[in-house]
Amino acid sequence: MTNTPTHNAHFERHRAAVLIPTYNNAGTLGAVLSDALTYTDHIIVVNDGATDETLAVLEQFPSLQLVSYSPNRGKGVALRRGFAYALEQGYDYVITMDADGQHFATDLPGMLQQIEEQPGALIIGARNLHQENMPGKSTSANKVSNFWFQVTTGLKGPDTQSGYRLYPLQRMGNMHYFCTKYEFEIEVLVRSAWKGIKVDWTPVRVYYPPPEERVSHFRPVRDVSRITVLNTVLVLVTFLYIKPRDLIRYFLKKENWKKMWKEEVLKADESNMRKAASIGFGIFMGIVPIWGFQLLVSILLSIKFKLNKALVLLFAHISTPPLTPFVIFASFLAGRIWMGQTAKDLVFSNGINFDTIRDNLLQYVFGSITLAIAGGLFAWATSWGILTIFRKGRRNG
């Protein structure tokens, strides 16, 4: 079977290939390959342990680059092996298409255009989620996925579940992935964003056959469970590592201090009272004893009460290293007020450990709450006075 590719030169200039993972899609795979071959012969197919007539279909296209193995390992493994093979062949980008016929090869030129307009970006083909035959469960699942993607990356997008994607393999480098099934497509998005790779969207067409003709390997209970566990882990990593890491990196740059002072403290169209409340609330959240959840709760409540999120997060880090021991010690001292004759002294000769905190937990909890309230009120009053001096023309209400 021969085709005259119309965009081969573009694929070769960008060192790009089409990557198609397949598992038991013999009924649609031939048409997908025929359409893609009209644009390029740089096509990699990953046969993920198919047990149907897939191999017979592939034999009709001798120009394909084939990665084949058995048994079936899941879409995540198929994509990962496809990425590795593409890098070995010298490709910088791959455009992934599903083998079930829902993607149109006519969108390949648009994906190539994104390489020129946004080099090094990971581009997702955004589908029309309200078209005919679009499964209702897919629409709902996509909304949930979009929400958690925004929580873990801060990026808002229309479609995080589309398999039509442009992957910048060189930018992604040697990341080591953990997921093997459908949830891999969530993991790779989030971890690419964490790595600093730009994630963006471009419209694509999509075809969904009537329900009676639809073939899906998605297993609702198992796959949804995996996705739920993955999102839980990603959220924990986000707030326990990624957010603090990004904040530290941000403040290591001198120009960011100047920018924040001018834009967030002095020049933002915001009252002195609101800014002071944000600082005081940040101090309160940084001290209050909900370790591990302080940043998450700070973000949610700052949004709820319409506070300055940048100031809240900045001052909520008052209890992070190297200040942690001082905050804990001050909390124990403040707790003496409530404990009366049962108050204890915190001795550091053996360091701070869980046994020490357990033996003095009640005093610490009372004291940290007291210190959080007192520190928050003091920070609010002090910052309000300073802001009033530096921002004389700014309203205070």
Protein backbone atom coordinates (compact mmCIF):
# COMPACT_ATOMS: atom_id res chain seq x y z
CA MET A 1 0.00 0.00 0.00
CA THR A 2 1.54 3.30 -1.08
CA ASN A 3 0.79 6.90 -0.20
CA THR A 4 2.38 10.20 -1.12
CA PRO A 5 2.89 12.03 2.20
CA THR A 6 2.04 15.72 1.96
CA HIS A 7 3.87 16.91 5.10
CA ASN A 8 6.95 14.72 5.24
CA ALA A 9 9.29 17.69 4.91
CA HIS A 10 7.62 19.39 7.88
CA PHE A 11 7.91 16.26 10.01
CA GLU A 12 11.56 15.86 9.08
CA ARG A 13 12.39 19.52 9.70
CA HIS A 14 10.99 19.29 13.21
CA ARG A 15 12.28 15.74 13.75
CA ALA A 16 8.74 14.63 14.56
CA ALA A 17 6.83 11.37 14.18
CA VAL A 18 3.30 10.10 14.70
CA LEU A 19 3.03 7.58 17.56
CA ILE A 20 0.04 5.21 17.61
CA PRO A 21 -0.35 2.74 20.51
CA THR A 22 -2.78 -0.06 19.75
CA TYR A 23 -4.39 -3.00 21.50
CA ASN A 24 -7.04 -5.07 19.70
CA ASN A 25 -8.10 -2.27 17.36
CA ALA A 26 -7.87 -4.34 14.16
CA GLY A 27 -11.26 -3.07 12.99
CA THR A 28 -10.18 0.60 12.91
CA LEU A 29 -6.37 0.52 12.80
CA GLY A 30 -6.06 0.18 9.03
CA ALA A 31 -8.09 3.31 8.32
CA VAL A 32 -6.17 5.27 10.97
CA LEU A 33 -2.83 4.30 9.43
CA SER A 34 -3.99 5.02 5.89
CA ASP A 35 -5.10 8.52 6.89
CA ALA A 36 -1.89 9.25 8.79
CA LEU A 37 0.28 8.01 5.90
CA THR A 38 -1.21 10.65 3.63
CA TYR A 39 0.65 13.21 5.77
CA THR A 40 3.88 11.41 6.71
CA ASP A 41 5.64 8.09 6.63
CA HIS A 42 7.30 8.84 9.98
CA ILE A 43 4.86 6.66 11.91
CA ILE A 44 5.62 4.50 14.94
CA VAL A 45 3.09 1.87 15.99
CA VAL A 46 3.31 0.20 19.39
CA ASN A 47 1.55 -3.16 19.36
CA ASP A 48 0.66 -3.58 23.04
CA GLY A 49 0.21 -7.36 23.02
CA ALA A 50 -2.77 -7.46 20.65
CA THR A 51 -4.57 -10.81 20.38
CA ASP A 52 -6.84 -10.01 17.41
CA GLU A 53 -5.92 -9.49 13.73
CA THR A 54 -3.70 -6.47 14.45
CA LEU A 55 -0.52 -8.09 13.10
CA ALA A 56 -2.26 -8.95 9.82
CA VAL A 57 -3.32 -5.32 9.47
CA LEU A 58 0.19 -4.06 10.21
CA GLU A 59 1.67 -6.33 7.54
CA GLN A 60 -0.17 -4.23 4.95
CA PHE A 61 1.96 -1.21 5.89
CA PRO A 62 5.62 -2.24 5.53
CA SER A 63 6.93 1.34 5.87
CA LEU A 64 5.81 1.57 9.51
CA GLN A 65 8.23 1.55 12.42
CA LEU A 66 6.93 -1.13 14.77
CA VAL A 67 7.41 -1.79 18.46
CA SER A 68 5.73 -5.04 19.42
CA TYR A 69 5.64 -7.13 22.59
CA SER A 70 3.44 -9.51 24.53
CA PRO A 71 1.46 -9.73 26.76
CA ASN A 72 -0.62 -6.56 26.96
CA ARG A 73 0.83 -4.10 29.46
CA GLY A 74 -1.48 -1.09 29.22
CA LYS A 75 -1.52 2.24 27.40
CA GLY A 76 0.96 3.84 29.77
CA VAL A 77 3.61 1.23 29.03
CA ALA A 78 2.86 1.45 25.29
CA LEU A 79 3.41 5.21 25.29
CA ARG A 80 6.55 4.97 27.41
CA ARG A 81 8.08 2.38 25.10
CA GLY A 82 7.06 4.47 22.12
CA PHE A 83 8.77 7.52 23.61
CA ALA A 84 11.96 5.55 24.24
CA TYR A 85 11.99 4.14 20.71
CA ALA A 86 11.38 7.58 19.17
CA LEU A 87 14.29 9.06 21.11
CA GLU A 88 16.53 6.20 19.97
CA GLN A 89 15.59 7.01 16.37
CA GLY A 90 16.51 10.66 16.83
CA TYR A 91 13.04 12.21 17.03
CA ASP A 92 12.51 15.34 19.13
CA TYR A 93 8.69 15.24 19.06
CA VAL A 94 5.92 12.68 18.74
CA ILE A 95 2.26 13.30 18.00
CA THR A 96 0.13 10.62 19.62
CA MET A 97 -3.10 9.40 18.02
CA ASP A 98 -5.47 6.72 19.29
CA ALA A 99 -5.98 3.64 17.12
CA ASP A 100 -9.77 3.47 17.63
CA GLY A 101 -10.53 5.98 14.87
CA GLN A 102 -11.67 8.88 17.03
CA HIS A 103 -8.80 11.17 15.93
CA PHE A 104 -8.50 12.74 12.50
CA ALA A 105 -5.18 12.89 10.63
CA THR A 106 -6.35 16.23 9.20
CA ASP A 107 -5.32 17.79 12.55
CA LEU A 108 -1.68 16.74 12.15
CA PRO A 109 -0.65 19.94 10.29
CA GLY A 110 -2.12 21.98 13.14
CA MET A 111 -0.04 20.04 15.64
CA LEU A 112 3.08 20.64 13.52
CA GLN A 113 2.26 24.34 13.48
CA GLN A 114 2.34 24.35 17.28
CA ILE A 115 5.99 23.26 17.18
CA GLU A 116 6.80 26.45 15.27
CA GLU A 117 4.63 28.69 17.44
CA GLN A 118 5.45 27.11 20.82
CA PRO A 119 8.68 25.11 20.52
CA GLY A 120 9.27 22.77 23.44
CA ALA A 121 5.63 22.88 24.61
CA LEU A 122 3.39 19.92 25.34
CA ILE A 123 0.23 20.47 23.30
CA ILE A 124 -3.10 18.73 23.96
CA GLY A 125 -5.74 18.44 21.27
CA ALA A 126 -8.85 19.91 22.90
CA ARG A 127 -12.04 18.13 21.83
CA ASN A 128 -15.56 19.48 21.49
CA LEU A 129 -17.05 17.79 24.54
CA HIS A 130 -20.64 18.63 23.59
CA GLN A 131 -20.81 16.99 20.18
CA GLU A 132 -23.04 14.13 19.10
CA ASN A 133 -22.40 10.71 20.69
CA MET A 134 -19.94 12.14 23.21
CA PRO A 135 -20.25 9.80 26.24
CA GLY A 136 -21.69 11.60 29.25
CA LYS A 137 -19.32 9.78 31.59
CA SER A 138 -16.35 11.02 29.57
CA THR A 139 -17.51 14.62 29.88
CA SER A 140 -17.93 14.33 33.65
CA ALA A 141 -14.61 12.52 34.09
CA ASN A 142 -12.86 15.21 32.05
CA LYS A 143 -14.23 17.96 34.30
CA VAL A 144 -12.93 16.13 37.36
CA SER A 145 -9.55 15.59 35.68
CA ASN A 146 -9.34 19.27 34.69
CA PHE A 147 -10.03 20.29 38.29
CA TRP A 148 -7.28 18.13 39.80
CA PHE A 149 -4.85 19.17 37.08
CA GLN A 150 -5.44 22.79 38.05
CA VAL A 151 -4.96 21.97 41.74
CA THR A 152 -1.63 20.22 41.14
CA THR A 153 -0.20 22.59 38.52
CA GLY A 154 -2.09 25.87 38.74
CA LEU A 155 -2.95 25.53 35.02
CA LYS A 156 -6.50 25.74 33.75
CA GLY A 157 -7.37 23.94 30.53
CA PRO A 158 -10.41 22.63 28.63
CA ASP A 159 -9.39 19.00 28.12
CA THR A 160 -6.80 16.97 30.05
CA GLN A 161 -7.96 13.54 28.90
CA SER A 162 -7.50 13.85 25.15
CA GLY A 163 -5.03 11.34 23.74
CA TYR A 164 -4.23 13.53 20.73
CA ARG A 165 -1.06 15.20 21.95
CA LEU A 166 2.26 16.67 20.90
CA TYR A 167 5.03 15.55 23.25
CA PRO A 168 8.39 17.41 23.33
CA LEU A 169 10.55 14.37 24.03
CA GLN A 170 13.83 16.24 24.36
CA ARG A 171 12.37 18.64 26.94
CA MET A 172 10.81 15.75 28.85
CA GLY A 173 14.26 14.18 29.05
CA ASN A 174 14.79 11.10 31.15
CA MET A 175 11.81 11.37 33.51
CA HIS A 176 11.02 8.08 35.21
CA TYR A 177 7.31 7.30 35.25
CA PHE A 178 5.32 5.07 37.59
CA CYS A 179 1.94 4.59 35.90
CA THR A 180 1.28 1.88 33.32
CA LYS A 181 -2.39 2.23 32.37
CA TYR A 182 -4.66 5.09 31.35
CA GLU A 183 -3.62 7.17 34.34
CA PHE A 184 -0.19 7.62 32.73
CA GLU A 185 -1.62 10.40 30.56
CA ILE A 186 -2.42 12.35 33.72
CA GLU A 187 0.96 11.65 35.32
CA VAL A 188 2.93 12.77 32.27
CA LEU A 189 0.96 16.05 32.06
CA VAL A 190 1.42 16.96 35.71
CA ARG A 191 5.08 15.98 35.89
CA SER A 192 5.87 17.83 32.66
CA ALA A 193 4.28 20.96 34.11
CA TRP A 194 6.30 20.49 37.31
CA LYS A 195 9.43 20.24 35.15
CA GLY A 196 8.68 23.67 33.70
CA ILE A 197 7.41 22.49 30.31
CA LYS A 198 4.66 24.70 28.93
CA VAL A 199 1.31 22.89 28.58
CA ASP A 200 -1.19 24.33 26.11
CA TRP A 201 -4.21 23.31 24.05
CA THR A 202 -5.27 23.51 20.41
CA PRO A 203 -8.70 22.53 18.99
CA VAL A 204 -9.04 19.15 17.25
CA ARG A 205 -11.92 17.21 15.77
CA VAL A 206 -12.99 13.91 17.30
CA TYR A 207 -15.33 11.14 16.21
CA TYR A 208 -17.33 9.06 18.65
CA PRO A 209 -19.28 6.19 17.10
CA PRO A 210 -22.77 5.31 18.36
CA PRO A 211 -22.73 3.35 21.65
CA GLU A 212 -23.48 0.03 19.95
CA GLU A 213 -20.35 0.38 17.74
CA ARG A 214 -18.01 1.70 20.40
CA VAL A 215 -15.01 -0.37 21.54
CA SER A 216 -13.26 0.65 24.75
CA HIS A 217 -10.63 -1.02 26.90
CA PHE A 218 -11.31 1.37 29.79
CA ARG A 219 -12.30 -0.55 32.93
CA PRO A 220 -14.31 1.86 35.10
CA VAL A 221 -13.71 0.38 38.55
CA ARG A 222 -10.02 -0.47 38.22
CA ASP A 223 -8.99 2.50 36.10
CA VAL A 224 -10.98 5.07 38.09
CA SER A 225 -9.45 3.64 41.28
CA ARG A 226 -5.95 4.03 39.83
CA ILE A 227 -6.69 7.58 38.72
CA THR A 228 -8.07 8.45 42.17
CA VAL A 229 -4.97 7.10 43.91
CA LEU A 230 -2.72 8.95 41.44
CA ASN A 231 -4.51 12.27 41.99
CA THR A 232 -4.26 11.81 45.76
CA VAL A 233 -0.52 11.22 45.54
CA LEU A 234 -0.02 14.13 43.11
CA VAL A 235 -1.90 16.52 45.41
CA LEU A 236 0.20 15.47 48.41
CA VAL A 237 3.43 15.87 46.44
CA THR A 238 2.23 19.24 45.17
CA PHE A 239 1.67 20.76 48.59
CA LEU A 240 4.42 18.99 50.49
CA TYR A 241 7.20 19.40 47.92
CA ILE A 242 6.40 21.15 44.60
CA LYS A 243 4.83 24.33 46.01
CA PRO A 244 7.52 24.87 48.67
CA ARG A 245 10.22 24.10 46.06
CA ASP A 246 8.79 26.60 43.58
CA LEU A 247 8.47 29.22 46.31
CA ILE A 248 12.10 28.78 47.34
CA ARG A 249 13.23 28.99 43.71
CA TYR A 250 11.15 32.12 43.26
CA PHE A 251 12.64 33.92 46.22
CA LEU A 252 16.19 32.94 45.35
CA LYS A 253 15.93 35.43 42.49
CA LYS A 254 16.51 39.01 43.57
CA GLU A 255 14.35 40.45 40.80
CA ASN A 256 11.33 38.53 42.10
CA TRP A 257 11.61 40.23 45.50
CA LYS A 258 11.53 43.64 43.80
CA LYS A 259 8.66 42.61 41.56
CA MET A 260 6.58 41.26 44.45
CA TRP A 261 7.20 44.35 46.57
CA LYS A 262 6.13 46.68 43.77
CA GLU A 263 3.22 44.70 42.35
CA GLU A 264 1.84 42.86 45.37
CA VAL A 265 2.63 45.19 48.26
CA LEU A 266 2.85 48.74 46.96
CA LYS A 267 1.09 49.08 43.62
CA ALA A 268 -1.66 46.45 43.54
CA ASP A 269 -5.18 47.86 43.51
CA GLU A 270 -5.95 46.56 46.97
CA SER A 271 -6.68 48.21 50.29
CA ASN A 272 -4.17 48.38 53.13
CA MET A 273 -6.64 46.55 55.33
CA ARG A 274 -6.95 43.61 52.96
CA LYS A 275 -3.19 43.34 52.55
CA ALA A 276 -2.64 43.50 56.29
CA ALA A 277 -5.35 40.88 56.83
CA SER A 278 -3.60 38.64 54.28
CA ILE A 279 -0.28 38.95 56.10
CA GLY A 280 -1.83 38.33 59.50
CA PHE A 281 -3.80 35.35 58.20
CA GLY A 282 -0.64 33.93 56.63
CA ILE A 283 1.17 34.12 59.98
CA PHE A 284 -1.80 32.49 61.71
CA MET A 285 -1.93 29.61 59.20
CA GLY A 286 1.83 29.12 59.40
CA ILE A 287 1.71 28.53 63.16
CA VAL A 288 -1.64 26.81 63.74
CA PRO A 289 -1.01 23.07 64.39
CA ILE A 290 -2.25 21.45 61.18
CA TRP A 291 1.18 20.33 59.93
CA GLY A 292 1.20 19.02 56.37
CA PHE A 293 -2.02 20.84 55.45
CA GLN A 294 -1.10 24.45 56.22
CA LEU A 295 -0.41 25.51 52.63
CA LEU A 296 -3.43 23.70 51.21
CA VAL A 297 -5.81 25.20 53.78
CA SER A 298 -4.16 28.61 53.35
CA ILE A 299 -4.79 28.57 49.60
CA LEU A 300 -8.41 27.42 49.92
CA LEU A 301 -9.30 29.94 52.64
CA SER A 302 -7.48 32.83 50.96
CA ILE A 303 -9.61 32.17 47.87
CA LYS A 304 -12.77 31.87 50.00
CA PHE A 305 -12.16 35.15 51.83
CA LYS A 306 -10.71 36.93 48.76
CA LEU A 307 -7.38 37.67 50.39
CA ASN A 308 -4.06 38.34 48.67
CA LYS A 309 -2.95 34.75 47.97
CA ALA A 310 0.69 35.72 47.37
CA LEU A 311 0.99 37.41 50.76
CA VAL A 312 -0.88 34.63 52.56
CA LEU A 313 1.41 31.94 51.13
CA LEU A 314 4.56 33.97 51.73
CA PHE A 315 3.89 34.56 55.42
CA ALA A 316 2.45 31.06 55.96
CA HIS A 317 6.02 29.82 55.53
CA ILE A 318 6.98 31.27 58.92
CA SER A 319 7.10 27.73 60.34
CA THR A 320 9.22 26.16 57.60
CA PRO A 321 12.92 25.35 58.17
CA PRO A 322 15.04 26.86 59.59
CA LEU A 323 12.35 28.58 61.70
CA THR A 324 10.51 25.36 62.68
CA PRO A 325 12.33 24.75 66.03
CA PHE A 326 11.76 28.34 67.13
CA VAL A 327 8.03 28.21 66.35
CA ILE A 328 7.65 24.90 68.22
CA PHE A 329 9.58 26.20 71.23
CA ALA A 330 7.56 29.43 71.33
CA SER A 331 4.35 27.39 71.14
CA PHE A 332 5.39 25.35 74.20
CA LEU A 333 6.17 28.53 76.09
CA ALA A 334 2.78 30.02 75.18
CA GLY A 335 1.10 26.79 76.29
CA ARG A 336 2.34 27.25 79.85
CA ILE A 337 -0.37 29.90 80.27
CA TRP A 338 -3.07 27.23 79.99
CA MET A 339 -1.41 24.30 81.76
CA GLY A 340 -0.93 25.85 85.18
CA GLN A 341 0.99 23.60 87.57
CA THR A 342 1.16 20.79 84.98
CA ALA A 343 3.17 22.93 82.57
CA LYS A 344 6.46 21.46 81.44
CA ASP A 345 9.72 22.80 80.13
CA LEU A 346 10.84 21.67 76.71
CA VAL A 347 14.44 20.53 76.90
CA PHE A 348 16.46 20.37 73.66
CA SER A 349 19.36 18.32 74.96
CA ASN A 350 18.14 15.29 73.05
CA GLY A 351 16.68 17.24 70.16
CA ILE A 352 13.05 17.52 69.07
CA ASN A 353 11.49 14.14 68.35
CA PHE A 354 8.07 12.53 68.31
CA ASP A 355 8.41 11.23 71.87
CA THR A 356 9.12 14.73 73.15
CA ILE A 357 6.15 16.20 71.32
CA ARG A 358 3.85 13.33 72.35
CA ASP A 359 4.61 13.83 76.04
CA ASN A 360 3.85 17.55 75.74
CA LEU A 361 1.20 17.48 73.00
CA LEU A 362 -1.62 19.22 74.87
CA GLN A 363 0.62 22.08 75.98
CA TYR A 364 1.95 22.42 72.44
CA VAL A 365 -1.54 22.49 70.83
CA PHE A 366 -2.88 25.11 73.26
CA GLY A 367 0.26 27.14 72.90
CA SER A 368 0.45 27.01 69.11
CA ILE A 369 -3.16 28.14 68.77
CA THR A 370 -2.48 30.97 71.21
CA LEU A 371 0.72 31.92 69.39
CA ALA A 372 -1.03 31.72 66.00
CA ILE A 373 -3.77 34.12 67.12
CA ALA A 374 -1.37 36.50 68.85
CA GLY A 375 1.13 36.39 65.99
CA GLY A 376 -1.57 36.90 63.39
CA LEU A 377 -3.05 39.91 65.20
CA PHE A 378 0.39 41.44 65.79
CA ALA A 379 1.37 40.93 62.14
CA TRP A 380 -1.94 42.42 60.98
CA ALA A 381 -1.59 45.55 63.13
CA THR A 382 2.10 46.05 62.34
CA SER A 383 1.75 45.53 58.60
CA TRP A 384 -1.31 47.79 58.49
CA GLY A 385 0.70 50.57 60.12
CA ILE A 386 3.65 50.11 57.75
CA LEU A 387 1.41 49.96 54.69
CA THR A 388 -0.42 53.10 55.79
CA ILE A 389 2.92 54.95 55.86
CA PHE A 390 4.21 53.64 52.52
CA ARG A 391 0.87 53.83 50.72
CA LYS A 392 -0.45 57.15 51.94
CA GLY A 393 -2.77 57.62 48.98
CA ARG A 394 -4.30 54.20 49.21
CA ARG A 395 -7.71 53.58 50.77
CA ASN A 396 -7.68 51.72 54.08
CA GLY A 397 -11.08 50.07 53.94
